[in-house]
């Protein structure tokens, strides 16, 4: 677990890096635990004023690890407690967060961006959420946050139709703040993190809280989606979709 999520503090900025490049940063349950811990701990550290979340050069995050996901699905767990803990940590987080996105961002790799305050994407980044095509529903409160941010039509295209967004389209939709060359992504993201960290922290936290609105509404939607997700995993639609998906993977 320690080497698949790297956490480092540099003054007021904590960098949280998903570090499983051979699997395009597909998230295991252990990685979810490490990510949640890094976010929760940041809020308890008054010296930290901004988080930066990043992946590997070729992949920000390919979503859930298939083996962990199938194990939880077969066991009737639904998303599983490590994932729920991480999603709650995202929603309840007080420390601002910047994302540095290169390559693919699939499933939760895209929906977690809805909880970020500033997103820098590299040209060539590709955001997608193939939930419904697998007989499932969106998670991470994306069914609430994406329509608010992007409007219903764009959110439906992304979350239900599963149409991917490139970096430019994601910027036009309001999901990304800046698009730069792949080699500049992390420098630009760090520049944004340092700008946030340089501001009066109490004012930043208060402004962010007012802009985000009712955090418990977001948490309730995470839990509502998780309940539906668990139900959908047991459905004939989802089982058929997963069987077809696994045949394609062979």
Protein backbone atom coordinates (compact mmCIF):
# COMPACT_ATOMS: atom_id res chain seq x y z
CA UNK A 1 0.00 0.00 0.00
CA UNK A 2 2.78 2.42 0.92
CA UNK A 3 4.29 2.53 -2.56
CA UNK A 4 1.06 2.66 -4.59
CA UNK A 5 0.04 5.97 -2.98
CA UNK A 6 2.86 8.41 -2.29
CA UNK A 7 2.24 11.29 0.12
CA UNK A 8 4.74 14.13 0.52
CA UNK A 9 4.48 17.53 2.21
CA UNK A 10 6.35 20.58 0.94
CA UNK A 11 5.60 23.49 3.22
CA UNK A 12 1.86 24.21 3.01
CA UNK A 13 1.23 21.79 0.12
CA UNK A 14 0.61 18.06 0.34
CA UNK A 15 1.08 16.04 -2.85
CA UNK A 16 -0.86 12.78 -3.05
CA UNK A 17 0.28 10.66 -5.96
CA UNK A 18 -1.40 7.49 -7.21
CA UNK A 19 1.59 5.34 -8.08
CA UNK A 20 0.54 2.15 -9.84
CA UNK A 21 1.53 3.03 -13.42
CA UNK A 22 1.65 -0.58 -14.62
CA UNK A 23 -2.14 -0.70 -14.04
CA UNK A 24 -2.76 2.90 -15.11
CA UNK A 25 -3.41 3.72 -11.44
CA UNK A 26 -6.46 1.49 -11.15
CA UNK A 27 -7.39 1.85 -7.49
CA UNK A 28 -7.25 -1.10 -5.11
CA UNK A 29 -9.02 -1.07 -1.74
CA UNK A 30 -5.65 -0.49 -0.05
CA UNK A 31 -5.10 2.55 -2.26
CA UNK A 32 -8.52 3.93 -1.34
CA UNK A 33 -7.61 3.60 2.34
CA UNK A 34 -4.32 5.43 1.79
CA UNK A 35 -6.01 8.19 -0.21
CA UNK A 36 -8.73 8.68 2.41
CA UNK A 37 -6.13 8.81 5.18
CA UNK A 38 -4.08 11.43 3.31
CA UNK A 39 -7.16 13.64 2.86
CA UNK A 40 -8.45 13.23 6.40
CA UNK A 41 -5.04 13.88 7.92
CA UNK A 42 -4.57 17.06 5.86
CA UNK A 43 -7.64 18.61 7.46
CA UNK A 44 -6.15 17.94 10.90
CA UNK A 45 -2.86 19.67 10.02
CA UNK A 46 -3.15 23.48 10.20
CA UNK A 47 0.19 23.85 8.37
CA UNK A 48 -1.33 22.39 5.18
CA UNK A 49 -3.24 24.82 3.00
CA UNK A 50 -3.65 22.92 -0.28
CA UNK A 51 -3.63 19.36 -1.61
CA UNK A 52 -2.37 18.32 -5.04
CA UNK A 53 -3.51 14.96 -6.39
CA UNK A 54 -1.66 13.45 -9.33
CA UNK A 55 -1.06 10.18 -11.13
CA UNK A 56 1.53 8.93 -13.57
CA UNK A 57 2.49 10.61 -16.87
CA UNK A 58 0.37 8.24 -18.97
CA UNK A 59 -2.58 7.79 -16.64
CA UNK A 60 -4.24 9.83 -13.94
CA UNK A 61 -6.52 6.99 -12.79
CA UNK A 62 -8.13 4.10 -14.68
CA UNK A 63 -10.91 3.68 -12.12
CA UNK A 64 -11.38 0.68 -9.85
CA UNK A 65 -9.04 -2.30 -9.85
CA UNK A 66 -10.99 -5.01 -11.65
CA UNK A 67 -10.14 -7.84 -9.25
CA UNK A 68 -11.03 -5.87 -6.11
CA UNK A 69 -14.18 -4.62 -7.77
CA UNK A 70 -15.34 -8.08 -8.86
CA UNK A 71 -14.59 -9.53 -5.43
CA UNK A 72 -16.74 -6.86 -3.74
CA UNK A 73 -19.48 -7.33 -6.33
CA UNK A 74 -19.57 -11.10 -5.92
CA UNK A 75 -19.59 -10.74 -2.14
CA UNK A 76 -22.58 -8.41 -2.21
CA UNK A 77 -20.59 -5.51 -0.73
CA UNK A 78 -21.41 -3.00 -3.44
CA UNK A 79 -18.75 -0.32 -3.62
CA UNK A 80 -17.18 -1.51 -0.37
CA UNK A 81 -16.26 0.43 2.77
CA UNK A 82 -12.80 1.64 1.62
CA UNK A 83 -14.37 3.36 -1.40
CA UNK A 84 -17.19 4.87 0.65
CA UNK A 85 -14.66 6.19 3.17
CA UNK A 86 -12.67 7.84 0.38
CA UNK A 87 -15.77 9.40 -1.19
CA UNK A 88 -16.90 10.76 2.18
CA UNK A 89 -13.39 12.17 2.71
CA UNK A 90 -13.62 13.92 -0.65
CA UNK A 91 -16.98 15.46 0.19
CA UNK A 92 -16.12 16.52 3.74
CA UNK A 93 -12.62 17.74 2.96
CA UNK A 94 -11.96 21.35 4.06
CA UNK A 95 -8.50 21.72 2.48
CA UNK A 96 -8.63 22.94 -1.15
CA UNK A 97 -7.45 20.43 -3.74
CA UNK A 98 -5.81 20.81 -7.15
CA UNK A 99 -5.68 17.92 -9.63
CA UNK A 100 -2.95 17.28 -12.22
CA UNK A 101 -4.52 15.09 -14.92
CA UNK A 102 -2.54 13.34 -17.63
CA UNK A 103 -3.71 10.48 -19.83
CA UNK A 104 -6.82 8.53 -18.91
CA UNK A 105 -9.26 9.38 -16.14
CA UNK A 106 -11.89 6.63 -16.00
CA UNK A 107 -14.84 6.25 -13.62
CA UNK A 108 -13.82 7.58 -10.21
CA UNK A 109 -10.77 9.07 -11.94
CA UNK A 110 -13.22 11.50 -13.52
CA UNK A 111 -15.86 11.83 -10.79
CA UNK A 112 -13.32 12.75 -8.10
CA UNK A 113 -12.49 15.83 -10.20
CA UNK A 114 -15.95 17.19 -9.37
CA UNK A 115 -14.70 17.59 -5.80
CA UNK A 116 -11.52 19.44 -6.80
CA UNK A 117 -11.18 23.21 -6.74
CA UNK A 118 -8.76 23.57 -9.65
CA UNK A 119 -8.00 21.02 -12.37
CA UNK A 120 -5.10 21.16 -14.81
CA UNK A 121 -5.28 18.67 -17.70
CA UNK A 122 -2.75 17.78 -20.32
CA UNK A 123 -3.53 17.81 -24.01
CA UNK A 124 -4.42 14.20 -24.76
CA UNK A 125 -6.17 13.62 -21.43
CA UNK A 126 -9.38 11.62 -21.79
CA UNK A 127 -12.17 11.61 -19.20
CA UNK A 128 -14.85 8.90 -19.24
CA UNK A 129 -17.47 7.33 -16.97
CA UNK A 130 -18.66 3.96 -18.34
CA UNK A 131 -21.04 3.21 -15.44
CA UNK A 132 -24.35 2.81 -17.24
CA UNK A 133 -22.88 0.70 -20.04
CA UNK A 134 -21.95 -1.79 -17.30
CA UNK A 135 -25.50 -1.74 -15.91
CA UNK A 136 -24.46 0.50 -12.99
CA UNK A 137 -25.00 4.10 -11.85
CA UNK A 138 -22.62 7.03 -11.32
CA UNK A 139 -20.92 7.48 -7.93
CA UNK A 140 -19.05 10.11 -5.87
CA UNK A 141 -22.20 12.30 -5.88
CA UNK A 142 -21.56 12.89 -9.59
CA UNK A 143 -25.30 12.57 -10.29
CA UNK A 144 -25.71 15.72 -8.16
CA UNK A 145 -22.53 17.66 -8.87
CA UNK A 146 -22.09 17.10 -12.63
CA UNK A 147 -25.49 18.55 -13.66
CA UNK A 148 -24.85 21.55 -11.39
CA UNK A 149 -21.46 22.15 -12.96
CA UNK A 150 -22.04 21.16 -16.58
CA UNK A 151 -25.79 21.38 -17.06
CA UNK A 152 -28.08 18.38 -17.48
CA UNK A 153 -27.39 17.76 -21.18
CA UNK A 154 -23.61 17.58 -20.87
CA UNK A 155 -23.82 15.59 -17.65
CA UNK A 156 -26.20 13.09 -19.25
CA UNK A 157 -23.84 12.70 -22.19
CA UNK A 158 -20.91 11.99 -19.86
CA UNK A 159 -22.55 9.96 -17.09
CA UNK A 160 -25.29 8.06 -18.92
CA UNK A 161 -24.31 7.88 -22.58
CA UNK A 162 -20.69 7.43 -21.55
CA UNK A 163 -19.34 9.85 -24.15
CA UNK A 164 -15.74 10.71 -23.20
CA UNK A 165 -14.39 14.23 -22.94
CA UNK A 166 -10.99 15.29 -24.14
CA UNK A 167 -9.17 18.00 -22.20
CA UNK A 168 -10.50 20.87 -24.30
CA UNK A 169 -14.11 19.65 -24.12
CA UNK A 170 -13.74 19.15 -20.35
CA UNK A 171 -12.56 22.75 -20.04
CA UNK A 172 -15.50 23.98 -22.10
CA UNK A 173 -17.82 22.00 -19.81
CA UNK A 174 -16.33 23.63 -16.71
CA UNK A 175 -14.70 20.48 -15.36
CA UNK A 176 -11.14 21.62 -16.12
CA UNK A 177 -9.58 25.02 -15.43
CA UNK A 178 -6.49 24.87 -17.66
CA UNK A 179 -5.23 22.76 -20.55
CA UNK A 180 -1.48 22.61 -21.11
CA UNK A 181 1.05 20.34 -22.78
CA UNK A 182 1.56 17.01 -20.95
CA UNK A 183 5.02 18.02 -19.75
CA UNK A 184 3.67 21.17 -18.11
CA UNK A 185 0.75 19.63 -16.20
CA UNK A 186 2.38 19.12 -12.83
CA UNK A 187 4.24 22.44 -12.88
CA UNK A 188 1.02 24.30 -13.66
CA UNK A 189 -0.89 22.37 -11.01
CA UNK A 190 1.78 23.14 -8.42
CA UNK A 191 1.74 26.80 -9.44
CA UNK A 192 -2.02 26.86 -8.77
CA UNK A 193 -1.57 25.04 -5.45
CA UNK A 194 1.04 27.58 -4.35
CA UNK A 195 -1.23 30.47 -5.33
CA UNK A 196 -4.04 29.00 -3.22
CA UNK A 197 -1.67 28.32 -0.31
CA UNK A 198 -0.45 31.93 -0.39
CA UNK A 199 -3.93 33.32 0.28
CA UNK A 200 -5.29 33.92 3.80
CA UNK A 201 -6.25 30.33 4.73
CA UNK A 202 -9.29 31.04 6.89
CA UNK A 203 -10.80 33.20 4.14
CA UNK A 204 -10.08 30.48 1.55
CA UNK A 205 -11.71 27.78 3.70
CA UNK A 206 -14.75 29.99 4.41
CA UNK A 207 -15.21 30.96 0.75
CA UNK A 208 -14.86 27.36 -0.36
CA UNK A 209 -17.43 26.22 2.23
CA UNK A 210 -19.93 28.83 1.03
CA UNK A 211 -19.39 27.89 -2.62
CA UNK A 212 -19.75 24.15 -1.99
CA UNK A 213 -23.03 24.50 -0.13
CA UNK A 214 -24.49 21.78 2.05
CA UNK A 215 -21.80 19.12 2.47
CA UNK A 216 -24.26 16.70 4.06
CA UNK A 217 -26.41 16.89 0.92
CA UNK A 218 -23.40 15.70 -1.06
CA UNK A 219 -22.70 12.93 1.46
CA UNK A 220 -26.35 11.81 1.31
CA UNK A 221 -26.14 11.60 -2.48
CA UNK A 222 -22.93 9.53 -2.22
CA UNK A 223 -24.77 7.11 0.07
CA UNK A 224 -27.87 7.06 -2.14
CA UNK A 225 -25.77 6.28 -5.21
CA UNK A 226 -23.90 3.59 -3.27
CA UNK A 227 -27.17 1.89 -2.29
CA UNK A 228 -28.36 1.92 -5.88
CA UNK A 229 -24.92 0.78 -7.08
CA UNK A 230 -25.10 -2.23 -4.76
CA UNK A 231 -28.58 -3.06 -6.01
CA UNK A 232 -27.55 -2.68 -9.64
CA UNK A 233 -24.54 -5.00 -9.18
CA UNK A 234 -26.93 -7.85 -8.45
CA UNK A 235 -29.13 -7.10 -11.47
CA UNK A 236 -29.28 -9.31 -14.59
CA UNK A 237 -28.32 -6.24 -16.66
CA UNK A 238 -25.07 -5.70 -14.77
CA UNK A 239 -24.18 -9.39 -14.71
CA UNK A 240 -24.66 -9.64 -18.47
CA UNK A 241 -22.65 -6.46 -19.05
CA UNK A 242 -19.78 -7.70 -16.88
CA UNK A 243 -19.73 -11.10 -18.59
CA UNK A 244 -19.47 -9.36 -21.97
CA UNK A 245 -16.77 -7.03 -20.63
CA UNK A 246 -14.68 -9.89 -19.23
CA UNK A 247 -14.93 -11.80 -22.51
CA UNK A 248 -13.56 -8.74 -24.31
CA UNK A 249 -10.69 -8.54 -21.80
CA UNK A 250 -9.57 -12.13 -22.55
